[in-house]
């Protein structure tokens, strides 16, 4: 019999999710997904593909299914290992919408109407449905269903994490301690990658100018063309400076891809023009993304294998989700499910 003292302490639980909407780009990879991969040995990681969130805007069903498979293949190609982490589709796990309803009954309507994303849509007089209004509560349920301690978030999601924290505290206060209060996970490494054509804005897959964005599935020729046509600045010095946002962005990319410091790269390109500099950036990005693209192209051809990964991930996610949901249902007064 193994002594309880010999058991390894449980790893902290990390959860992060993304919608299956299009291809990941260089900014996603260098700024987020690469860091998620580094967490897999030290944390129990749940990586969700939130297809239920995706339908807050109109989707073509066949495209949504294709994008969900594609998102899983891209994650694995970027270094998320199904043997180390739990990769799952949100709709495969019972509990997300159930917990969202319970949390919604604790959430004032005004709090949701003040959410930045909802206000932006309403301000533009777009058609706004209840799903978009309730989106932050479902996101809170995604986090709390796994009692995640840490949540990697970008600046645009901090408000939603604050709502999750607030709802966890409200539930704990009303029904007794149940949820851990999730904390934002801020990585010490990572790069903020900006648009190649407008370095004042983040690189984005929704940018109408596709020359602004390098995708992880771009060919070597496509990558070189985008980097070589990227916006630079007046003068010819390769320096990281506030008045050189274009060059600074390329230096950030080159540093992230090669591991060399910004100062070392500045010294390397003293006396050289932007042409040589851009070529070096393009070479580094191609070398970084080529194995990712190759791995993706292999994975996406085998949906049977992707289905197996989804199944295994959902089973692990469901096991944890049922434990939390069972405790929540009991505390709010629901009769236990018949077995």
C-alpha atoms as a PDB file:
ATOM      1  CA  UNK A   1       0.000   0.000   0.000  1.00  0.00           C
ATOM      2  CA  UNK A   2       1.341   3.438  -0.916  1.00  0.00           C
ATOM      3  CA  UNK A   3       1.645   5.804   1.996  1.00  0.00           C
ATOM      4  CA  UNK A   4      -0.385   8.976   1.512  1.00  0.00           C
ATOM      5  CA  UNK A   5       2.760  10.970   2.260  1.00  0.00           C
ATOM      6  CA  UNK A   6       4.316   9.499  -0.909  1.00  0.00           C
ATOM      7  CA  UNK A   7       1.603  10.923  -3.149  1.00  0.00           C
ATOM      8  CA  UNK A   8       2.675  13.808  -5.326  1.00  0.00           C
ATOM      9  CA  UNK A   9       0.899  17.086  -4.569  1.00  0.00           C
ATOM     10  CA  UNK A  10      -1.747  17.993  -7.125  1.00  0.00           C
ATOM     11  CA  UNK A  11      -0.569  20.388  -9.776  1.00  0.00           C
ATOM     12  CA  UNK A  12      -2.277  23.800  -9.950  1.00  0.00           C
ATOM     13  CA  UNK A  13      -5.022  23.803 -12.568  1.00  0.00           C
ATOM     14  CA  UNK A  14      -4.698  26.164 -15.526  1.00  0.00           C
ATOM     15  CA  UNK A  15      -7.499  26.709 -18.017  1.00  0.00           C
ATOM     16  CA  UNK A  16      -7.589  28.756 -21.165  1.00  0.00           C
ATOM     17  CA  UNK A  17      -9.979  28.615 -24.084  1.00  0.00           C
ATOM     18  CA  UNK A  18     -10.236  29.951 -27.609  1.00  0.00           C
ATOM     19  CA  UNK A  19     -12.957  30.134 -30.203  1.00  0.00           C
ATOM     20  CA  UNK A  20     -12.556  28.028 -33.360  1.00  0.00           C
ATOM     21  CA  UNK A  21     -12.520  31.050 -35.650  1.00  0.00           C
ATOM     22  CA  UNK A  22      -9.913  30.871 -38.365  1.00  0.00           C
ATOM     23  CA  UNK A  23      -6.167  30.378 -38.299  1.00  0.00           C
ATOM     24  CA  UNK A  24      -3.758  31.211 -35.507  1.00  0.00           C
ATOM     25  CA  UNK A  25      -1.226  33.879 -36.401  1.00  0.00           C
ATOM     26  CA  UNK A  26       2.345  34.663 -35.416  1.00  0.00           C
ATOM     27  CA  UNK A  27       1.166  36.901 -32.568  1.00  0.00           C
ATOM     28  CA  UNK A  28      -1.008  34.120 -31.116  1.00  0.00           C
ATOM     29  CA  UNK A  29       1.890  31.689 -31.358  1.00  0.00           C
ATOM     30  CA  UNK A  30       4.703  33.841 -29.930  1.00  0.00           C
ATOM     31  CA  UNK A  31       2.548  35.733 -27.455  1.00  0.00           C
ATOM     32  CA  UNK A  32       0.352  32.966 -26.064  1.00  0.00           C
ATOM     33  CA  UNK A  33       0.345  29.385 -27.356  1.00  0.00           C
ATOM     34  CA  UNK A  34       4.111  28.933 -27.101  1.00  0.00           C
ATOM     35  CA  UNK A  35       3.865  29.881 -23.429  1.00  0.00           C
ATOM     36  CA  UNK A  36       0.974  27.482 -22.858  1.00  0.00           C
ATOM     37  CA  UNK A  37       3.205  24.693 -24.117  1.00  0.00           C
ATOM     38  CA  UNK A  38       5.866  25.614 -21.560  1.00  0.00           C
ATOM     39  CA  UNK A  39       3.311  25.233 -18.750  1.00  0.00           C
ATOM     40  CA  UNK A  40       2.402  21.610 -19.420  1.00  0.00           C
ATOM     41  CA  UNK A  41       4.975  19.990 -17.133  1.00  0.00           C
ATOM     42  CA  UNK A  42       4.282  22.194 -14.111  1.00  0.00           C
ATOM     43  CA  UNK A  43       0.496  22.560 -14.281  1.00  0.00           C
ATOM     44  CA  UNK A  44      -2.560  20.458 -15.030  1.00  0.00           C
ATOM     45  CA  UNK A  45      -3.680  22.197 -18.205  1.00  0.00           C
ATOM     46  CA  UNK A  46      -7.151  22.289 -19.707  1.00  0.00           C
ATOM     47  CA  UNK A  47      -7.266  23.809 -23.192  1.00  0.00           C
ATOM     48  CA  UNK A  48     -10.813  24.275 -24.421  1.00  0.00           C
ATOM     49  CA  UNK A  49     -12.108  25.038 -27.892  1.00  0.00           C
ATOM     50  CA  UNK A  50     -15.256  26.997 -27.124  1.00  0.00           C
ATOM     51  CA  UNK A  51     -17.615  26.213 -29.983  1.00  0.00           C
ATOM     52  CA  UNK A  52     -20.633  27.216 -27.883  1.00  0.00           C
ATOM     53  CA  UNK A  53     -19.217  30.730 -27.578  1.00  0.00           C
ATOM     54  CA  UNK A  54     -18.662  30.804 -31.322  1.00  0.00           C
ATOM     55  CA  UNK A  55     -22.389  30.679 -32.105  1.00  0.00           C
ATOM     56  CA  UNK A  56     -22.994  34.086 -30.475  1.00  0.00           C
ATOM     57  CA  UNK A  57     -22.395  35.221 -34.055  1.00  0.00           C
ATOM     58  CA  UNK A  58     -23.895  33.464 -37.047  1.00  0.00           C
ATOM     59  CA  UNK A  59     -21.902  30.441 -38.193  1.00  0.00           C
ATOM     60  CA  UNK A  60     -22.099  28.153 -41.202  1.00  0.00           C
ATOM     61  CA  UNK A  61     -22.419  24.767 -39.425  1.00  0.00           C
ATOM     62  CA  UNK A  62     -20.064  22.854 -41.743  1.00  0.00           C
ATOM     63  CA  UNK A  63     -17.452  25.614 -41.436  1.00  0.00           C
ATOM     64  CA  UNK A  64     -17.736  25.634 -37.648  1.00  0.00           C
ATOM     65  CA  UNK A  65     -17.057  21.890 -37.555  1.00  0.00           C
ATOM     66  CA  UNK A  66     -14.096  22.274 -39.918  1.00  0.00           C
ATOM     67  CA  UNK A  67     -12.713  25.165 -37.871  1.00  0.00           C
ATOM     68  CA  UNK A  68     -13.028  23.177 -34.645  1.00  0.00           C
ATOM     69  CA  UNK A  69     -10.943  20.345 -36.064  1.00  0.00           C
ATOM     70  CA  UNK A  70      -8.516  22.886 -37.510  1.00  0.00           C
ATOM     71  CA  UNK A  71      -8.149  24.652 -34.161  1.00  0.00           C
ATOM     72  CA  UNK A  72      -7.289  21.359 -32.440  1.00  0.00           C
ATOM     73  CA  UNK A  73      -4.723  20.493 -35.127  1.00  0.00           C
ATOM     74  CA  UNK A  74      -3.171  23.961 -34.875  1.00  0.00           C
ATOM     75  CA  UNK A  75      -2.904  23.715 -31.083  1.00  0.00           C
ATOM     76  CA  UNK A  76      -1.104  20.384 -31.289  1.00  0.00           C
ATOM     77  CA  UNK A  77       1.154  21.623 -34.094  1.00  0.00           C
ATOM     78  CA  UNK A  78       2.103  24.570 -31.885  1.00  0.00           C
ATOM     79  CA  UNK A  79       3.249  22.279 -29.081  1.00  0.00           C
ATOM     80  CA  UNK A  80       0.206  21.450 -26.954  1.00  0.00           C
ATOM     81  CA  UNK A  81       0.664  17.754 -26.163  1.00  0.00           C
ATOM     82  CA  UNK A  82      -2.473  15.602 -25.694  1.00  0.00           C
ATOM     83  CA  UNK A  83      -0.367  13.261 -23.537  1.00  0.00           C
ATOM     84  CA  UNK A  84       0.329  16.100 -21.092  1.00  0.00           C
ATOM     85  CA  UNK A  85      -2.753  18.306 -21.352  1.00  0.00           C
ATOM     86  CA  UNK A  86      -6.508  17.984 -21.760  1.00  0.00           C
ATOM     87  CA  UNK A  87      -7.629  19.276 -25.162  1.00  0.00           C
ATOM     88  CA  UNK A  88     -11.405  19.315 -25.535  1.00  0.00           C
ATOM     89  CA  UNK A  89     -14.364  20.897 -27.289  1.00  0.00           C
ATOM     90  CA  UNK A  90     -16.687  22.846 -25.006  1.00  0.00           C
ATOM     91  CA  UNK A  91     -19.810  21.225 -26.461  1.00  0.00           C
ATOM     92  CA  UNK A  92     -18.443  17.748 -25.626  1.00  0.00           C
ATOM     93  CA  UNK A  93     -18.531  18.402 -21.872  1.00  0.00           C
ATOM     94  CA  UNK A  94     -21.760  18.464 -19.877  1.00  0.00           C
ATOM     95  CA  UNK A  95     -21.773  21.273 -17.364  1.00  0.00           C
ATOM     96  CA  UNK A  96     -20.725  24.465 -19.111  1.00  0.00           C
ATOM     97  CA  UNK A  97     -24.236  25.660 -19.891  1.00  0.00           C
ATOM     98  CA  UNK A  98     -25.709  24.186 -16.692  1.00  0.00           C
ATOM     99  CA  UNK A  99     -23.260  26.084 -14.504  1.00  0.00           C
ATOM    100  CA  UNK A 100     -23.702  29.215 -16.630  1.00  0.00           C
ATOM    101  CA  UNK A 101     -27.425  29.187 -15.820  1.00  0.00           C
ATOM    102  CA  UNK A 102     -26.773  28.888 -12.084  1.00  0.00           C
ATOM    103  CA  UNK A 103     -24.182  31.677 -12.178  1.00  0.00           C
ATOM    104  CA  UNK A 104     -26.503  33.796 -14.319  1.00  0.00           C
ATOM    105  CA  UNK A 105     -29.056  33.665 -11.539  1.00  0.00           C
ATOM    106  CA  UNK A 106     -26.474  35.421  -9.336  1.00  0.00           C
ATOM    107  CA  UNK A 107     -25.450  38.041 -11.897  1.00  0.00           C
ATOM    108  CA  UNK A 108     -27.204  41.432 -12.097  1.00  0.00           C
ATOM    109  CA  UNK A 109     -28.332  42.389 -15.599  1.00  0.00           C
ATOM    110  CA  UNK A 110     -26.623  45.774 -15.312  1.00  0.00           C
ATOM    111  CA  UNK A 111     -23.263  44.101 -14.741  1.00  0.00           C
ATOM    112  CA  UNK A 112     -23.550  42.328 -18.084  1.00  0.00           C
ATOM    113  CA  UNK A 113     -24.746  45.438 -19.892  1.00  0.00           C
ATOM    114  CA  UNK A 114     -21.596  47.248 -18.719  1.00  0.00           C
ATOM    115  CA  UNK A 115     -19.294  44.716 -20.337  1.00  0.00           C
ATOM    116  CA  UNK A 116     -17.106  46.448 -22.908  1.00  0.00           C
ATOM    117  CA  UNK A 117     -17.713  43.906 -25.674  1.00  0.00           C
ATOM    118  CA  UNK A 118     -21.480  44.160 -25.295  1.00  0.00           C
ATOM    119  CA  UNK A 119     -21.432  47.972 -25.116  1.00  0.00           C
ATOM    120  CA  UNK A 120     -19.315  48.213 -28.266  1.00  0.00           C
ATOM    121  CA  UNK A 121     -21.815  46.123 -30.210  1.00  0.00           C
ATOM    122  CA  UNK A 122     -24.806  48.024 -28.839  1.00  0.00           C
ATOM    123  CA  UNK A 123     -23.138  51.380 -29.583  1.00  0.00           C
ATOM    124  CA  UNK A 124     -22.734  50.389 -33.221  1.00  0.00           C
ATOM    125  CA  UNK A 125     -26.484  49.612 -33.383  1.00  0.00           C
ATOM    126  CA  UNK A 126     -25.728  46.078 -34.486  1.00  0.00           C
ATOM    127  CA  UNK A 127     -28.252  43.334 -33.893  1.00  0.00           C
ATOM    128  CA  UNK A 128     -27.440  42.084 -30.410  1.00  0.00           C
ATOM    129  CA  UNK A 129     -28.838  38.826 -29.122  1.00  0.00           C
ATOM    130  CA  UNK A 130     -29.074  37.402 -25.612  1.00  0.00           C
ATOM    131  CA  UNK A 131     -26.181  35.045 -26.300  1.00  0.00           C
ATOM    132  CA  UNK A 132     -23.748  37.932 -26.624  1.00  0.00           C
ATOM    133  CA  UNK A 133     -25.094  39.479 -23.422  1.00  0.00           C
ATOM    134  CA  UNK A 134     -24.705  36.152 -21.577  1.00  0.00           C
ATOM    135  CA  UNK A 135     -21.300  35.373 -23.123  1.00  0.00           C
ATOM    136  CA  UNK A 136     -19.279  36.538 -20.055  1.00  0.00           C
ATOM    137  CA  UNK A 137     -21.344  34.308 -17.726  1.00  0.00           C
ATOM    138  CA  UNK A 138     -20.651  31.278 -19.930  1.00  0.00           C
ATOM    139  CA  UNK A 139     -16.968  32.231 -19.879  1.00  0.00           C
ATOM    140  CA  UNK A 140     -17.116  32.373 -16.073  1.00  0.00           C
ATOM    141  CA  UNK A 141     -18.685  28.904 -16.093  1.00  0.00           C
ATOM    142  CA  UNK A 142     -15.897  27.618 -18.356  1.00  0.00           C
ATOM    143  CA  UNK A 143     -13.374  28.651 -15.722  1.00  0.00           C
ATOM    144  CA  UNK A 144     -15.233  27.733 -12.545  1.00  0.00           C
ATOM    145  CA  UNK A 145     -16.444  24.350 -13.841  1.00  0.00           C
ATOM    146  CA  UNK A 146     -12.848  23.121 -13.520  1.00  0.00           C
ATOM    147  CA  UNK A 147     -12.049  25.149 -10.393  1.00  0.00           C
ATOM    148  CA  UNK A 148      -9.120  26.606 -12.306  1.00  0.00           C
ATOM    149  CA  UNK A 149      -6.635  28.488 -10.176  1.00  0.00           C
ATOM    150  CA  UNK A 150      -4.881  30.271 -13.023  1.00  0.00           C
ATOM    151  CA  UNK A 151      -6.218  31.667 -16.293  1.00  0.00           C
ATOM    152  CA  UNK A 152      -3.917  33.062 -18.991  1.00  0.00           C
ATOM    153  CA  UNK A 153      -5.724  36.145 -20.297  1.00  0.00           C
ATOM    154  CA  UNK A 154      -5.042  39.001 -22.652  1.00  0.00           C
ATOM    155  CA  UNK A 155      -5.947  42.618 -22.000  1.00  0.00           C
ATOM    156  CA  UNK A 156      -9.277  42.203 -23.818  1.00  0.00           C
ATOM    157  CA  UNK A 157     -10.399  39.415 -21.447  1.00  0.00           C
ATOM    158  CA  UNK A 158      -9.447  40.873 -18.065  1.00  0.00           C
ATOM    159  CA  UNK A 159     -12.936  42.272 -17.502  1.00  0.00           C
ATOM    160  CA  UNK A 160     -14.448  38.841 -18.120  1.00  0.00           C
ATOM    161  CA  UNK A 161     -12.084  37.206 -15.638  1.00  0.00           C
ATOM    162  CA  UNK A 162     -13.078  39.810 -13.056  1.00  0.00           C
ATOM    163  CA  UNK A 163     -16.701  38.745 -13.550  1.00  0.00           C
ATOM    164  CA  UNK A 164     -15.729  35.099 -12.997  1.00  0.00           C
ATOM    165  CA  UNK A 165     -13.974  36.072  -9.776  1.00  0.00           C
ATOM    166  CA  UNK A 166     -16.972  38.112  -8.657  1.00  0.00           C
ATOM    167  CA  UNK A 167     -19.454  35.308  -9.355  1.00  0.00           C
ATOM    168  CA  UNK A 168     -17.255  32.766  -7.564  1.00  0.00           C
ATOM    169  CA  UNK A 169     -17.175  35.000  -4.498  1.00  0.00           C
ATOM    170  CA  UNK A 170     -20.954  35.538  -4.634  1.00  0.00           C
ATOM    171  CA  UNK A 171     -21.623  31.814  -4.854  1.00  0.00           C
ATOM    172  CA  UNK A 172     -19.208  31.063  -2.012  1.00  0.00           C
ATOM    173  CA  UNK A 173     -20.803  33.744   0.160  1.00  0.00           C
ATOM    174  CA  UNK A 174     -24.345  32.533  -0.492  1.00  0.00           C
ATOM    175  CA  UNK A 175     -23.819  28.764  -0.392  1.00  0.00           C
ATOM    176  CA  UNK A 176     -20.458  28.212   1.397  1.00  0.00           C
ATOM    177  CA  UNK A 177     -16.939  27.774   0.052  1.00  0.00           C
ATOM    178  CA  UNK A 178     -17.101  25.963  -3.286  1.00  0.00           C
ATOM    179  CA  UNK A 179     -15.039  27.719  -5.926  1.00  0.00           C
ATOM    180  CA  UNK A 180     -11.410  28.729  -5.907  1.00  0.00           C
ATOM    181  CA  UNK A 181     -11.031  32.365  -6.914  1.00  0.00           C
ATOM    182  CA  UNK A 182      -9.208  32.252 -10.267  1.00  0.00           C
ATOM    183  CA  UNK A 183      -6.144  34.423 -10.736  1.00  0.00           C
ATOM    184  CA  UNK A 184      -4.852  35.818 -14.031  1.00  0.00           C
ATOM    185  CA  UNK A 185      -1.714  34.082 -15.254  1.00  0.00           C
ATOM    186  CA  UNK A 186       0.784  36.602 -16.570  1.00  0.00           C
ATOM    187  CA  UNK A 187       3.700  34.896 -18.261  1.00  0.00           C
ATOM    188  CA  UNK A 188       7.183  36.293 -17.663  1.00  0.00           C
ATOM    189  CA  UNK A 189       8.052  35.542 -21.275  1.00  0.00           C
ATOM    190  CA  UNK A 190       6.077  36.333 -24.380  1.00  0.00           C
ATOM    191  CA  UNK A 191       5.980  38.853 -27.140  1.00  0.00           C
ATOM    192  CA  UNK A 192       3.400  41.448 -28.106  1.00  0.00           C
ATOM    193  CA  UNK A 193       3.389  41.214 -31.891  1.00  0.00           C
ATOM    194  CA  UNK A 194       1.970  44.125 -33.835  1.00  0.00           C
ATOM    195  CA  UNK A 195       0.506  44.470 -37.322  1.00  0.00           C
ATOM    196  CA  UNK A 196       3.076  44.448 -40.126  1.00  0.00           C
ATOM    197  CA  UNK A 197       1.261  47.298 -41.880  1.00  0.00           C
ATOM    198  CA  UNK A 198       0.102  49.306 -38.858  1.00  0.00           C
ATOM    199  CA  UNK A 199       2.490  48.731 -35.920  1.00  0.00           C
ATOM    200  CA  UNK A 200       0.274  50.802 -33.636  1.00  0.00           C
ATOM    201  CA  UNK A 201      -2.248  47.912 -33.630  1.00  0.00           C
ATOM    202  CA  UNK A 202      -1.880  44.286 -32.557  1.00  0.00           C
ATOM    203  CA  UNK A 203      -1.569  41.638 -35.234  1.00  0.00           C
ATOM    204  CA  UNK A 204      -5.074  40.312 -35.834  1.00  0.00           C
ATOM    205  CA  UNK A 205      -6.710  37.609 -37.930  1.00  0.00           C
ATOM    206  CA  UNK A 206      -9.631  39.975 -38.526  1.00  0.00           C
ATOM    207  CA  UNK A 207      -7.422  42.656 -40.090  1.00  0.00           C
ATOM    208  CA  UNK A 208      -8.905  43.481 -43.529  1.00  0.00           C
ATOM    209  CA  UNK A 209      -5.364  43.914 -44.873  1.00  0.00           C
ATOM    210  CA  UNK A 210      -4.072  40.340 -44.850  1.00  0.00           C
ATOM    211  CA  UNK A 211      -0.536  41.561 -45.554  1.00  0.00           C
ATOM    212  CA  UNK A 212      -0.555  42.702 -41.920  1.00  0.00           C
ATOM    213  CA  UNK A 213      -0.792  39.196 -40.501  1.00  0.00           C
ATOM    214  CA  UNK A 214       1.474  36.156 -40.716  1.00  0.00           C
ATOM    215  CA  UNK A 215      -0.462  32.934 -40.155  1.00  0.00           C
ATOM    216  CA  UNK A 216       1.137  29.782 -38.794  1.00  0.00           C
ATOM    217  CA  UNK A 217      -0.065  27.943 -41.899  1.00  0.00           C
ATOM    218  CA  UNK A 218       1.407  30.459 -44.384  1.00  0.00           C
ATOM    219  CA  UNK A 219       3.919  29.107 -46.872  1.00  0.00           C
ATOM    220  CA  UNK A 220       7.540  30.256 -46.801  1.00  0.00           C
ATOM    221  CA  UNK A 221       6.912  32.429 -49.852  1.00  0.00           C
ATOM    222  CA  UNK A 222       3.859  34.046 -48.267  1.00  0.00           C
ATOM    223  CA  UNK A 223       5.792  34.779 -45.076  1.00  0.00           C
ATOM    224  CA  UNK A 224       8.731  36.314 -46.939  1.00  0.00           C
ATOM    225  CA  UNK A 225       6.431  38.489 -49.053  1.00  0.00           C
ATOM    226  CA  UNK A 226       4.599  39.825 -45.970  1.00  0.00           C
ATOM    227  CA  UNK A 227       7.780  40.518 -43.988  1.00  0.00           C
ATOM    228  CA  UNK A 228       9.608  42.165 -46.893  1.00  0.00           C
ATOM    229  CA  UNK A 229       6.630  44.474 -47.545  1.00  0.00           C
ATOM    230  CA  UNK A 230       6.148  45.358 -43.870  1.00  0.00           C
ATOM    231  CA  UNK A 231       6.100  48.989 -42.762  1.00  0.00           C
ATOM    232  CA  UNK A 232       9.385  50.326 -41.398  1.00  0.00           C
ATOM    233  CA  UNK A 233      10.287  53.886 -40.466  1.00  0.00           C
ATOM    234  CA  UNK A 234      12.259  56.889 -41.682  1.00  0.00           C
ATOM    235  CA  UNK A 235      16.030  56.582 -41.575  1.00  0.00           C
ATOM    236  CA  UNK A 236      17.941  53.326 -41.863  1.00  0.00           C
ATOM    237  CA  UNK A 237      19.059  52.503 -38.314  1.00  0.00           C
ATOM    238  CA  UNK A 238      17.855  49.209 -36.895  1.00  0.00           C
ATOM    239  CA  UNK A 239      16.994  50.355 -33.390  1.00  0.00           C
ATOM    240  CA  UNK A 240      14.254  49.634 -30.870  1.00  0.00           C
ATOM    241  CA  UNK A 241      12.768  53.071 -30.224  1.00  0.00           C
ATOM    242  CA  UNK A 242       9.410  54.731 -29.649  1.00  0.00           C
ATOM    243  CA  UNK A 243       9.709  56.690 -32.886  1.00  0.00           C
ATOM    244  CA  UNK A 244      10.463  53.480 -34.823  1.00  0.00           C
ATOM    245  CA  UNK A 245       7.395  51.289 -34.186  1.00  0.00           C
ATOM    246  CA  UNK A 246       7.773  49.294 -37.404  1.00  0.00           C
ATOM    247  CA  UNK A 247      11.426  48.426 -36.854  1.00  0.00           C
ATOM    248  CA  UNK A 248      10.769  47.796 -33.145  1.00  0.00           C
ATOM    249  CA  UNK A 249       8.039  45.311 -34.029  1.00  0.00           C
ATOM    250  CA  UNK A 250      10.342  43.433 -36.412  1.00  0.00           C
ATOM    251  CA  UNK A 251      13.074  43.390 -33.756  1.00  0.00           C
ATOM    252  CA  UNK A 252      10.581  41.914 -31.293  1.00  0.00           C
ATOM    253  CA  UNK A 253       9.661  39.209 -33.803  1.00  0.00           C
ATOM    254  CA  UNK A 254      13.306  38.422 -34.597  1.00  0.00           C
ATOM    255  CA  UNK A 255      14.225  38.267 -30.923  1.00  0.00           C
ATOM    256  CA  UNK A 256      11.298  35.937 -30.144  1.00  0.00           C
ATOM    257  CA  UNK A 257      12.175  33.616 -33.034  1.00  0.00           C
ATOM    258  CA  UNK A 258      15.939  33.452 -32.431  1.00  0.00           C
ATOM    259  CA  UNK A 259      16.236  33.894 -28.657  1.00  0.00           C
ATOM    260  CA  UNK A 260      18.734  36.717 -29.148  1.00  0.00           C
ATOM    261  CA  UNK A 261      18.296  39.890 -27.108  1.00  0.00           C
ATOM    262  CA  UNK A 262      17.105  43.123 -28.710  1.00  0.00           C
ATOM    263  CA  UNK A 263      20.412  44.844 -27.902  1.00  0.00           C
ATOM    264  CA  UNK A 264      22.435  42.022 -29.488  1.00  0.00           C
ATOM    265  CA  UNK A 265      20.323  42.266 -32.633  1.00  0.00           C
ATOM    266  CA  UNK A 266      20.737  46.046 -32.761  1.00  0.00           C
ATOM    267  CA  UNK A 267      24.515  45.560 -32.657  1.00  0.00           C
ATOM    268  CA  UNK A 268      24.368  42.879 -35.348  1.00  0.00           C
ATOM    269  CA  UNK A 269      22.667  45.231 -37.817  1.00  0.00           C
ATOM    270  CA  UNK A 270      24.749  48.368 -37.234  1.00  0.00           C
ATOM    271  CA  UNK A 271      25.585  49.818 -40.640  1.00  0.00           C
ATOM    272  CA  UNK A 272      23.218  47.476 -42.472  1.00  0.00           C
ATOM    273  CA  UNK A 273      20.056  48.561 -44.245  1.00  0.00           C
ATOM    274  CA  UNK A 274      16.434  47.576 -43.774  1.00  0.00           C
ATOM    275  CA  UNK A 275      16.656  45.103 -46.660  1.00  0.00           C
ATOM    276  CA  UNK A 276      19.194  42.881 -44.889  1.00  0.00           C
ATOM    277  CA  UNK A 277      17.296  43.255 -41.636  1.00  0.00           C
ATOM    278  CA  UNK A 278      13.942  42.244 -43.126  1.00  0.00           C
ATOM    279  CA  UNK A 279      15.522  39.268 -44.861  1.00  0.00           C
ATOM    280  CA  UNK A 280      16.891  38.064 -41.516  1.00  0.00           C
ATOM    281  CA  UNK A 281      13.450  38.480 -39.916  1.00  0.00           C
ATOM    282  CA  UNK A 282      11.775  36.586 -42.760  1.00  0.00           C
ATOM    283  CA  UNK A 283      14.330  33.743 -42.534  1.00  0.00           C
ATOM    284  CA  UNK A 284      13.794  33.467 -38.767  1.00  0.00           C
ATOM    285  CA  UNK A 285       9.990  33.424 -39.035  1.00  0.00           C
ATOM    286  CA  UNK A 286      10.102  30.809 -41.814  1.00  0.00           C
ATOM    287  CA  UNK A 287      12.436  28.623 -39.734  1.00  0.00           C
ATOM    288  CA  UNK A 288      10.163  28.990 -36.703  1.00  0.00           C
ATOM    289  CA  UNK A 289       6.861  28.274 -38.448  1.00  0.00           C
ATOM    290  CA  UNK A 290       7.925  25.677 -41.014  1.00  0.00           C
ATOM    291  CA  UNK A 291       7.806  22.711 -38.575  1.00  0.00           C
ATOM    292  CA  UNK A 292       4.507  24.008 -37.180  1.00  0.00           C
ATOM    293  CA  UNK A 293       2.934  24.199 -40.636  1.00  0.00           C
ATOM    294  CA  UNK A 294       4.296  20.780 -41.621  1.00  0.00           C
ATOM    295  CA  UNK A 295       2.906  19.193 -38.460  1.00  0.00           C
ATOM    296  CA  UNK A 296      -0.458  20.882 -38.966  1.00  0.00           C
ATOM    297  CA  UNK A 297      -0.757  19.667 -42.555  1.00  0.00           C
ATOM    298  CA  UNK A 298      -0.218  16.096 -41.353  1.00  0.00           C
ATOM    299  CA  UNK A 299      -2.659  16.335 -38.449  1.00  0.00           C
ATOM    300  CA  UNK A 300      -5.542  17.951 -40.312  1.00  0.00           C
ATOM    301  CA  UNK A 301      -5.685  15.044 -42.786  1.00  0.00           C
ATOM    302  CA  UNK A 302      -6.494  12.517 -40.053  1.00  0.00           C
ATOM    303  CA  UNK A 303      -9.837  13.340 -38.437  1.00  0.00           C
ATOM    304  CA  UNK A 304     -10.031   9.877 -36.924  1.00  0.00           C
ATOM    305  CA  UNK A 305      -6.973  10.662 -34.820  1.00  0.00           C
ATOM    306  CA  UNK A 306      -8.311  14.125 -33.968  1.00  0.00           C
ATOM    307  CA  UNK A 307     -11.585  12.510 -32.829  1.00  0.00           C
ATOM    308  CA  UNK A 308      -9.596  10.229 -30.516  1.00  0.00           C
ATOM    309  CA  UNK A 309      -7.824  13.250 -29.025  1.00  0.00           C
ATOM    310  CA  UNK A 310     -11.140  15.069 -28.572  1.00  0.00           C
ATOM    311  CA  UNK A 311     -12.618  11.976 -26.878  1.00  0.00           C
ATOM    312  CA  UNK A 312      -9.712  11.546 -24.475  1.00  0.00           C
ATOM    313  CA  UNK A 313      -9.676  15.243 -23.622  1.00  0.00           C
ATOM    314  CA  UNK A 314     -13.429  15.353 -23.069  1.00  0.00           C
ATOM    315  CA  UNK A 315     -13.295  12.334 -20.759  1.00  0.00           C
ATOM    316  CA  UNK A 316     -10.702  13.985 -18.532  1.00  0.00           C
ATOM    317  CA  UNK A 317     -12.504  17.327 -18.612  1.00  0.00           C
ATOM    318  CA  UNK A 318     -15.871  15.656 -17.907  1.00  0.00           C
ATOM    319  CA  UNK A 319     -14.511  13.794 -14.900  1.00  0.00           C
ATOM    320  CA  UNK A 320     -13.439  17.027 -13.240  1.00  0.00           C
ATOM    321  CA  UNK A 321     -16.509  18.944 -14.401  1.00  0.00           C
ATOM    322  CA  UNK A 322     -18.959  16.411 -12.948  1.00  0.00           C
ATOM    323  CA  UNK A 323     -17.269  16.612  -9.533  1.00  0.00           C
ATOM    324  CA  UNK A 324     -17.640  20.384  -9.438  1.00  0.00           C
ATOM    325  CA  UNK A 325     -21.154  20.408 -10.917  1.00  0.00           C
ATOM    326  CA  UNK A 326     -22.367  17.740  -8.480  1.00  0.00           C
ATOM    327  CA  UNK A 327     -21.165  19.826  -5.551  1.00  0.00           C
ATOM    328  CA  UNK A 328     -22.791  22.975  -6.970  1.00  0.00           C
ATOM    329  CA  UNK A 329     -26.123  21.247  -7.630  1.00  0.00           C
ATOM    330  CA  UNK A 330     -26.231  19.879  -4.100  1.00  0.00           C
ATOM    331  CA  UNK A 331     -25.484  23.262  -2.554  1.00  0.00           C
ATOM    332  CA  UNK A 332     -28.163  25.123  -4.510  1.00  0.00           C
ATOM    333  CA  UNK A 333     -30.733  22.504  -3.481  1.00  0.00           C
ATOM    334  CA  UNK A 334     -31.221  20.348  -6.587  1.00  0.00           C
ATOM    335  CA  UNK A 335     -32.237  16.742  -6.090  1.00  0.00           C
ATOM    336  CA  UNK A 336     -29.396  14.354  -6.895  1.00  0.00           C
ATOM    337  CA  UNK A 337     -29.458  12.967 -10.426  1.00  0.00           C
ATOM    338  CA  UNK A 338     -30.909   9.434 -10.619  1.00  0.00           C
ATOM    339  CA  UNK A 339     -28.158   6.887 -11.306  1.00  0.00           C
END
